[in-house]
Amino acid sequence: MKIYIVSGLGADFKVLEKLEFPKQHEIVFIDWLIPEKNESFAAYIKRMAEKIDDSQPFYLLGYSFGGIMVQEINKLKPAEKVVILGSIKSDKEKSRLIRAGEITRIPKILPESLFNEKTTRAYSVLRKFFDPKKPKVLQYFRVKDPYYLKWSVEKISEWKFEETSKVVQILGDRDIVFPIKNSKPDYIIKGGTHLFPATKFKEVSRILEGEFE
């Protein structure tokens, strides 16, 4: 069976490269697409889902914003199981910061220039937001198209979704991007920050072995 994987906002699969998956499954990574100008979230999800062959049963796995994406894809092409890492199962689990963005609509009015290359380099100064023990956090952020970044931040803040029973949620207890206090995850990674798939990969791999048996 294939496991289709979507990584985090602006991230390639380096953050997930240490994870080990059951040998009997085929791993297929879905790269982020650059949104078309004024493209709706629904249209974008449909384009992302085109890479999935639903003529055979399959699994979905998403990390961070990718967790949101695979849940949306699952509505178009239902998977046998959906696993999300460092992500949320519904809009009710949004952090206070993300919810503030939704209410004030600040992400929508921010200039695209704010998301340019110079600004993305400044993320390294904020590395403690993801993991204070990973000073080279920028190594995980490879998709730096300003329009894509601004668009993604908007969609995360606007996201509305009802929790479904098919989703398996794995969260780190030190994740401040998606705080554990707002969720009731199926698995808790002790000492895990938002980058726990890279820093706690052995524990996560054991969980995935059981979920994708």
C-alpha atoms as a PDB file:
ATOM      1  CA  MET A   1       0.000   0.000   0.000  1.00  0.00           C
ATOM      2  CA  LYS A   2       1.182   3.555  -0.701  1.00  0.00           C
ATOM      3  CA  ILE A   3       1.673   6.157   2.022  1.00  0.00           C
ATOM      4  CA  TYR A   4       1.289   9.655   0.575  1.00  0.00           C
ATOM      5  CA  ILE A   5       3.123  12.282   2.631  1.00  0.00           C
ATOM      6  CA  VAL A   6       2.875  16.086   2.744  1.00  0.00           C
ATOM      7  CA  SER A   7       5.491  18.005   4.769  1.00  0.00           C
ATOM      8  CA  GLY A   8       5.139  21.285   6.700  1.00  0.00           C
ATOM      9  CA  LEU A   9       4.669  24.847   5.496  1.00  0.00           C
ATOM     10  CA  GLY A  10       7.611  25.782   3.307  1.00  0.00           C
ATOM     11  CA  ALA A  11       9.394  22.563   4.263  1.00  0.00           C
ATOM     12  CA  ASP A  12      10.725  19.795   2.086  1.00  0.00           C
ATOM     13  CA  PHE A  13      11.101  16.273   3.425  1.00  0.00           C
ATOM     14  CA  LYS A  14      14.385  16.768   5.252  1.00  0.00           C
ATOM     15  CA  VAL A  15      12.463  17.206   8.507  1.00  0.00           C
ATOM     16  CA  LEU A  16      10.994  13.709   7.977  1.00  0.00           C
ATOM     17  CA  GLU A  17      14.017  11.983   6.456  1.00  0.00           C
ATOM     18  CA  LYS A  18      14.994  10.082   9.621  1.00  0.00           C
ATOM     19  CA  LEU A  19      11.578   8.484  10.041  1.00  0.00           C
ATOM     20  CA  GLU A  20      11.374   4.768   9.273  1.00  0.00           C
ATOM     21  CA  PHE A  21       8.226   3.389   7.682  1.00  0.00           C
ATOM     22  CA  PRO A  22       7.055  -0.235   7.424  1.00  0.00           C
ATOM     23  CA  LYS A  23       8.987  -1.902   4.597  1.00  0.00           C
ATOM     24  CA  GLN A  24       5.885  -3.377   2.990  1.00  0.00           C
ATOM     25  CA  HIS A  25       4.556   0.068   2.009  1.00  0.00           C
ATOM     26  CA  GLU A  26       5.640   2.442  -0.758  1.00  0.00           C
ATOM     27  CA  ILE A  27       6.392   6.009   0.333  1.00  0.00           C
ATOM     28  CA  VAL A  28       5.242   8.783  -2.011  1.00  0.00           C
ATOM     29  CA  PHE A  29       6.069  12.411  -1.151  1.00  0.00           C
ATOM     30  CA  ILE A  30       3.762  15.124  -2.473  1.00  0.00           C
ATOM     31  CA  ASP A  31       5.636  18.360  -3.089  1.00  0.00           C
ATOM     32  CA  TRP A  32       4.011  21.684  -2.285  1.00  0.00           C
ATOM     33  CA  LEU A  33       2.617  23.463  -5.332  1.00  0.00           C
ATOM     34  CA  ILE A  34       2.872  27.219  -5.772  1.00  0.00           C
ATOM     35  CA  PRO A  35      -0.696  28.584  -5.579  1.00  0.00           C
ATOM     36  CA  GLU A  36      -2.019  30.334  -8.647  1.00  0.00           C
ATOM     37  CA  LYS A  37      -2.970  33.977  -8.218  1.00  0.00           C
ATOM     38  CA  ASN A  38      -6.276  34.239  -6.327  1.00  0.00           C
ATOM     39  CA  GLU A  39      -6.579  30.432  -6.249  1.00  0.00           C
ATOM     40  CA  SER A  40      -9.103  29.191  -3.706  1.00  0.00           C
ATOM     41  CA  PHE A  41      -8.107  26.709  -1.028  1.00  0.00           C
ATOM     42  CA  ALA A  42     -10.533  24.139  -2.492  1.00  0.00           C
ATOM     43  CA  ALA A  43      -8.970  24.454  -5.962  1.00  0.00           C
ATOM     44  CA  TYR A  44      -5.475  24.134  -4.514  1.00  0.00           C
ATOM     45  CA  ILE A  45      -6.402  21.012  -2.540  1.00  0.00           C
ATOM     46  CA  LYS A  46      -7.835  19.469  -5.703  1.00  0.00           C
ATOM     47  CA  ARG A  47      -4.539  20.061  -7.510  1.00  0.00           C
ATOM     48  CA  MET A  48      -2.545  18.542  -4.647  1.00  0.00           C
ATOM     49  CA  ALA A  49      -4.860  15.516  -4.631  1.00  0.00           C
ATOM     50  CA  GLU A  50      -4.269  14.856  -8.337  1.00  0.00           C
ATOM     51  CA  LYS A  51      -1.018  13.113  -7.458  1.00  0.00           C
ATOM     52  CA  ILE A  52      -2.873  10.439  -5.489  1.00  0.00           C
ATOM     53  CA  ASP A  53      -3.973   7.218  -7.176  1.00  0.00           C
ATOM     54  CA  ASP A  54      -7.178   6.268  -5.385  1.00  0.00           C
ATOM     55  CA  SER A  55      -7.832   3.198  -7.537  1.00  0.00           C
ATOM     56  CA  GLN A  56      -6.097   1.257  -4.753  1.00  0.00           C
ATOM     57  CA  PRO A  57      -6.289   1.663  -0.940  1.00  0.00           C
ATOM     58  CA  PHE A  58      -3.731   4.092   0.486  1.00  0.00           C
ATOM     59  CA  TYR A  59      -2.674   5.963   3.628  1.00  0.00           C
ATOM     60  CA  LEU A  60      -2.122   9.696   4.174  1.00  0.00           C
ATOM     61  CA  LEU A  61       0.429  11.329   6.479  1.00  0.00           C
ATOM     62  CA  GLY A  62       0.969  15.036   6.997  1.00  0.00           C
ATOM     63  CA  TYR A  63       3.283  17.151   9.125  1.00  0.00           C
ATOM     64  CA  SER A  64       2.264  20.598  10.451  1.00  0.00           C
ATOM     65  CA  PHE A  65       0.454  22.450   7.629  1.00  0.00           C
ATOM     66  CA  GLY A  66       0.747  19.189   5.708  1.00  0.00           C
ATOM     67  CA  GLY A  67      -1.456  17.651   8.400  1.00  0.00           C
ATOM     68  CA  ILE A  68      -4.171  20.135   7.548  1.00  0.00           C
ATOM     69  CA  MET A  69      -3.661  19.454   3.856  1.00  0.00           C
ATOM     70  CA  VAL A  70      -3.988  15.662   4.069  1.00  0.00           C
ATOM     71  CA  GLN A  71      -7.215  15.975   6.052  1.00  0.00           C
ATOM     72  CA  GLU A  72      -8.645  18.147   3.287  1.00  0.00           C
ATOM     73  CA  ILE A  73      -7.381  15.742   0.618  1.00  0.00           C
ATOM     74  CA  ASN A  74      -9.027  12.908   2.517  1.00  0.00           C
ATOM     75  CA  LYS A  75     -12.428  14.503   1.871  1.00  0.00           C
ATOM     76  CA  LEU A  76     -11.818  14.233  -1.889  1.00  0.00           C
ATOM     77  CA  LYS A  77      -9.971  10.931  -1.915  1.00  0.00           C
ATOM     78  CA  PRO A  78     -10.651   8.957   1.287  1.00  0.00           C
ATOM     79  CA  ALA A  79      -7.679   7.082   2.731  1.00  0.00           C
ATOM     80  CA  GLU A  80      -7.653   3.930   4.840  1.00  0.00           C
ATOM     81  CA  LYS A  81      -6.110   6.026   7.616  1.00  0.00           C
ATOM     82  CA  VAL A  82      -4.830   9.582   8.104  1.00  0.00           C
ATOM     83  CA  VAL A  83      -1.910  10.295  10.461  1.00  0.00           C
ATOM     84  CA  ILE A  84      -0.917  13.847  11.356  1.00  0.00           C
ATOM     85  CA  LEU A  85       2.326  14.902  13.059  1.00  0.00           C
ATOM     86  CA  GLY A  86       2.539  18.237  14.878  1.00  0.00           C
ATOM     87  CA  SER A  87      -0.799  19.341  13.471  1.00  0.00           C
ATOM     88  CA  ILE A  88      -4.426  19.873  14.485  1.00  0.00           C
ATOM     89  CA  LYS A  89      -7.621  17.883  13.854  1.00  0.00           C
ATOM     90  CA  SER A  90     -10.019  20.831  13.730  1.00  0.00           C
ATOM     91  CA  ASP A  91     -10.119  24.618  13.849  1.00  0.00           C
ATOM     92  CA  LYS A  92     -11.115  24.329  17.513  1.00  0.00           C
ATOM     93  CA  GLU A  93      -7.506  23.321  18.261  1.00  0.00           C
ATOM     94  CA  LYS A  94      -5.914  26.471  16.840  1.00  0.00           C
ATOM     95  CA  SER A  95      -3.450  28.326  19.050  1.00  0.00           C
ATOM     96  CA  ARG A  96      -4.325  31.733  20.444  1.00  0.00           C
ATOM     97  CA  LEU A  97      -1.927  33.355  17.960  1.00  0.00           C
ATOM     98  CA  ILE A  98      -3.472  31.644  14.923  1.00  0.00           C
ATOM     99  CA  ARG A  99      -6.974  32.414  16.158  1.00  0.00           C
ATOM    100  CA  ALA A 100      -6.000  36.070  16.539  1.00  0.00           C
ATOM    101  CA  GLY A 101      -4.912  36.055  12.903  1.00  0.00           C
ATOM    102  CA  GLU A 102      -8.283  34.625  11.920  1.00  0.00           C
ATOM    103  CA  ILE A 103     -10.227  37.275  13.866  1.00  0.00           C
ATOM    104  CA  THR A 104      -8.133  40.282  12.868  1.00  0.00           C
ATOM    105  CA  ARG A 105      -7.447  39.049   9.300  1.00  0.00           C
ATOM    106  CA  ILE A 106      -3.938  40.451   9.667  1.00  0.00           C
ATOM    107  CA  PRO A 107      -2.354  37.696   7.512  1.00  0.00           C
ATOM    108  CA  LYS A 108      -4.523  38.796   4.589  1.00  0.00           C
ATOM    109  CA  ILE A 109      -3.437  42.430   4.738  1.00  0.00           C
ATOM    110  CA  LEU A 110       0.268  41.767   5.300  1.00  0.00           C
ATOM    111  CA  PRO A 111       2.317  42.767   2.243  1.00  0.00           C
ATOM    112  CA  GLU A 112       3.756  39.949   0.157  1.00  0.00           C
ATOM    113  CA  SER A 113       7.181  41.607   0.463  1.00  0.00           C
ATOM    114  CA  LEU A 114       7.180  40.652   4.148  1.00  0.00           C
ATOM    115  CA  PHE A 115       7.627  37.029   3.072  1.00  0.00           C
ATOM    116  CA  ASN A 116      10.691  37.542   0.877  1.00  0.00           C
ATOM    117  CA  GLU A 117      14.043  35.758   1.159  1.00  0.00           C
ATOM    118  CA  LYS A 118      15.476  38.271   3.636  1.00  0.00           C
ATOM    119  CA  THR A 119      12.497  37.793   5.924  1.00  0.00           C
ATOM    120  CA  THR A 120      12.642  34.003   5.784  1.00  0.00           C
ATOM    121  CA  ARG A 121      16.262  34.151   6.925  1.00  0.00           C
ATOM    122  CA  ALA A 122      15.059  36.016   9.994  1.00  0.00           C
ATOM    123  CA  TYR A 123      13.220  32.849  11.018  1.00  0.00           C
ATOM    124  CA  SER A 124      16.523  31.537  12.319  1.00  0.00           C
ATOM    125  CA  VAL A 125      16.365  34.194  15.022  1.00  0.00           C
ATOM    126  CA  LEU A 126      13.017  32.713  16.035  1.00  0.00           C
ATOM    127  CA  ARG A 127      14.304  29.144  16.064  1.00  0.00           C
ATOM    128  CA  LYS A 128      13.227  28.705  19.683  1.00  0.00           C
ATOM    129  CA  PHE A 129       9.660  28.860  18.375  1.00  0.00           C
ATOM    130  CA  PHE A 130      10.286  25.499  16.692  1.00  0.00           C
ATOM    131  CA  ASP A 131      13.126  23.923  18.648  1.00  0.00           C
ATOM    132  CA  PRO A 132      15.799  25.759  20.715  1.00  0.00           C
ATOM    133  CA  LYS A 133      18.199  22.847  20.217  1.00  0.00           C
ATOM    134  CA  LYS A 134      18.077  23.153  16.421  1.00  0.00           C
ATOM    135  CA  PRO A 135      19.964  26.370  15.559  1.00  0.00           C
ATOM    136  CA  LYS A 136      19.946  25.527  11.844  1.00  0.00           C
ATOM    137  CA  VAL A 137      16.184  25.424  11.618  1.00  0.00           C
ATOM    138  CA  LEU A 138      16.268  27.056   8.172  1.00  0.00           C
ATOM    139  CA  GLN A 139      17.599  23.824   6.691  1.00  0.00           C
ATOM    140  CA  TYR A 140      14.025  22.530   6.803  1.00  0.00           C
ATOM    141  CA  PHE A 141      12.458  25.502   5.018  1.00  0.00           C
ATOM    142  CA  ARG A 142      13.095  25.144   1.290  1.00  0.00           C
ATOM    143  CA  VAL A 143       9.959  26.554  -0.385  1.00  0.00           C
ATOM    144  CA  LYS A 144      10.455  30.303  -0.027  1.00  0.00           C
ATOM    145  CA  ASP A 145       8.178  31.704  -2.719  1.00  0.00           C
ATOM    146  CA  PRO A 146       6.677  34.852  -1.080  1.00  0.00           C
ATOM    147  CA  TYR A 147       3.215  34.348  -2.569  1.00  0.00           C
ATOM    148  CA  TYR A 148       3.091  30.725  -1.405  1.00  0.00           C
ATOM    149  CA  LEU A 149       4.179  31.664   2.134  1.00  0.00           C
ATOM    150  CA  LYS A 150       1.680  34.501   2.494  1.00  0.00           C
ATOM    151  CA  TRP A 151      -1.102  32.390   0.970  1.00  0.00           C
ATOM    152  CA  SER A 152      -0.348  29.493   3.338  1.00  0.00           C
ATOM    153  CA  VAL A 153      -0.391  31.672   6.463  1.00  0.00           C
ATOM    154  CA  GLU A 154      -3.751  33.054   5.358  1.00  0.00           C
ATOM    155  CA  LYS A 155      -5.226  29.595   4.798  1.00  0.00           C
ATOM    156  CA  ILE A 156      -4.026  28.266   8.160  1.00  0.00           C
ATOM    157  CA  SER A 157      -5.612  31.201   9.995  1.00  0.00           C
ATOM    158  CA  GLU A 158      -8.882  30.854   8.033  1.00  0.00           C
ATOM    159  CA  TRP A 159      -9.105  27.042   8.212  1.00  0.00           C
ATOM    160  CA  LYS A 160     -12.440  25.552   9.335  1.00  0.00           C
ATOM    161  CA  PHE A 161     -12.748  21.814   9.849  1.00  0.00           C
ATOM    162  CA  GLU A 162     -14.756  19.325  11.885  1.00  0.00           C
ATOM    163  CA  GLU A 163     -12.779  16.548  13.578  1.00  0.00           C
ATOM    164  CA  THR A 164     -13.152  13.055  12.098  1.00  0.00           C
ATOM    165  CA  SER A 165     -12.529   9.704  13.796  1.00  0.00           C
ATOM    166  CA  LYS A 166     -10.232   8.429  11.036  1.00  0.00           C
ATOM    167  CA  VAL A 167      -7.408  10.840  11.958  1.00  0.00           C
ATOM    168  CA  VAL A 168      -4.557   9.721  14.238  1.00  0.00           C
ATOM    169  CA  GLN A 169      -2.854  12.696  15.900  1.00  0.00           C
ATOM    170  CA  ILE A 170       0.727  12.730  17.218  1.00  0.00           C
ATOM    171  CA  LEU A 171       1.837  15.843  19.115  1.00  0.00           C
ATOM    172  CA  GLY A 172       4.895  16.936  21.062  1.00  0.00           C
ATOM    173  CA  ASP A 173       4.256  18.133  24.614  1.00  0.00           C
ATOM    174  CA  ARG A 174       6.530  21.171  24.048  1.00  0.00           C
ATOM    175  CA  ASP A 175       5.075  22.229  20.710  1.00  0.00           C
ATOM    176  CA  ILE A 176       4.115  25.920  20.875  1.00  0.00           C
ATOM    177  CA  VAL A 177       3.033  26.124  17.228  1.00  0.00           C
ATOM    178  CA  PHE A 178       0.140  23.769  17.983  1.00  0.00           C
ATOM    179  CA  PRO A 179       0.017  23.582  21.822  1.00  0.00           C
ATOM    180  CA  ILE A 180      -0.964  20.221  23.234  1.00  0.00           C
ATOM    181  CA  LYS A 181      -3.336  21.872  25.721  1.00  0.00           C
ATOM    182  CA  ASN A 182      -5.733  22.566  22.851  1.00  0.00           C
ATOM    183  CA  SER A 183      -5.855  18.940  21.694  1.00  0.00           C
ATOM    184  CA  LYS A 184      -6.424  15.377  22.845  1.00  0.00           C
ATOM    185  CA  PRO A 185      -3.813  13.569  20.750  1.00  0.00           C
ATOM    186  CA  ASP A 186      -3.655   9.817  20.295  1.00  0.00           C
ATOM    187  CA  TYR A 187       0.083   9.898  21.024  1.00  0.00           C
ATOM    188  CA  ILE A 188       2.197  12.373  23.005  1.00  0.00           C
ATOM    189  CA  ILE A 189       5.915  12.733  22.317  1.00  0.00           C
ATOM    190  CA  LYS A 190       7.593  13.640  25.600  1.00  0.00           C
ATOM    191  CA  GLY A 191       9.993  16.549  25.232  1.00  0.00           C
ATOM    192  CA  GLY A 192       8.884  16.991  21.641  1.00  0.00           C
ATOM    193  CA  THR A 193       8.926  20.489  20.144  1.00  0.00           C
ATOM    194  CA  HIS A 194       7.368  21.284  16.767  1.00  0.00           C
ATOM    195  CA  LEU A 195      10.365  19.601  15.108  1.00  0.00           C
ATOM    196  CA  PHE A 196       9.832  16.313  16.939  1.00  0.00           C
ATOM    197  CA  PRO A 197       9.741  14.208  13.722  1.00  0.00           C
ATOM    198  CA  ALA A 198      13.421  15.161  13.288  1.00  0.00           C
ATOM    199  CA  THR A 199      14.476  15.085  16.939  1.00  0.00           C
ATOM    200  CA  LYS A 200      12.375  12.174  18.265  1.00  0.00           C
ATOM    201  CA  PHE A 201      12.337  10.103  15.096  1.00  0.00           C
ATOM    202  CA  LYS A 202      12.880   6.728  16.774  1.00  0.00           C
ATOM    203  CA  GLU A 203       9.803   7.108  18.958  1.00  0.00           C
ATOM    204  CA  VAL A 204       7.725   8.415  16.078  1.00  0.00           C
ATOM    205  CA  SER A 205       8.900   5.572  13.823  1.00  0.00           C
ATOM    206  CA  ARG A 206       7.722   3.005  16.381  1.00  0.00           C
ATOM    207  CA  ILE A 207       4.283   4.618  16.421  1.00  0.00           C
ATOM    208  CA  LEU A 208       4.088   4.666  12.629  1.00  0.00           C
ATOM    209  CA  GLU A 209       5.088   0.988  12.515  1.00  0.00           C
ATOM    210  CA  GLY A 210       1.993   0.190  14.564  1.00  0.00           C
ATOM    211  CA  GLU A 211      -0.398   2.531  12.754  1.00  0.00           C
ATOM    212  CA  PHE A 212       0.690   1.503   9.244  1.00  0.00           C
ATOM    213  CA  GLU A 213       0.911  -2.224   9.908  1.00  0.00           C
END
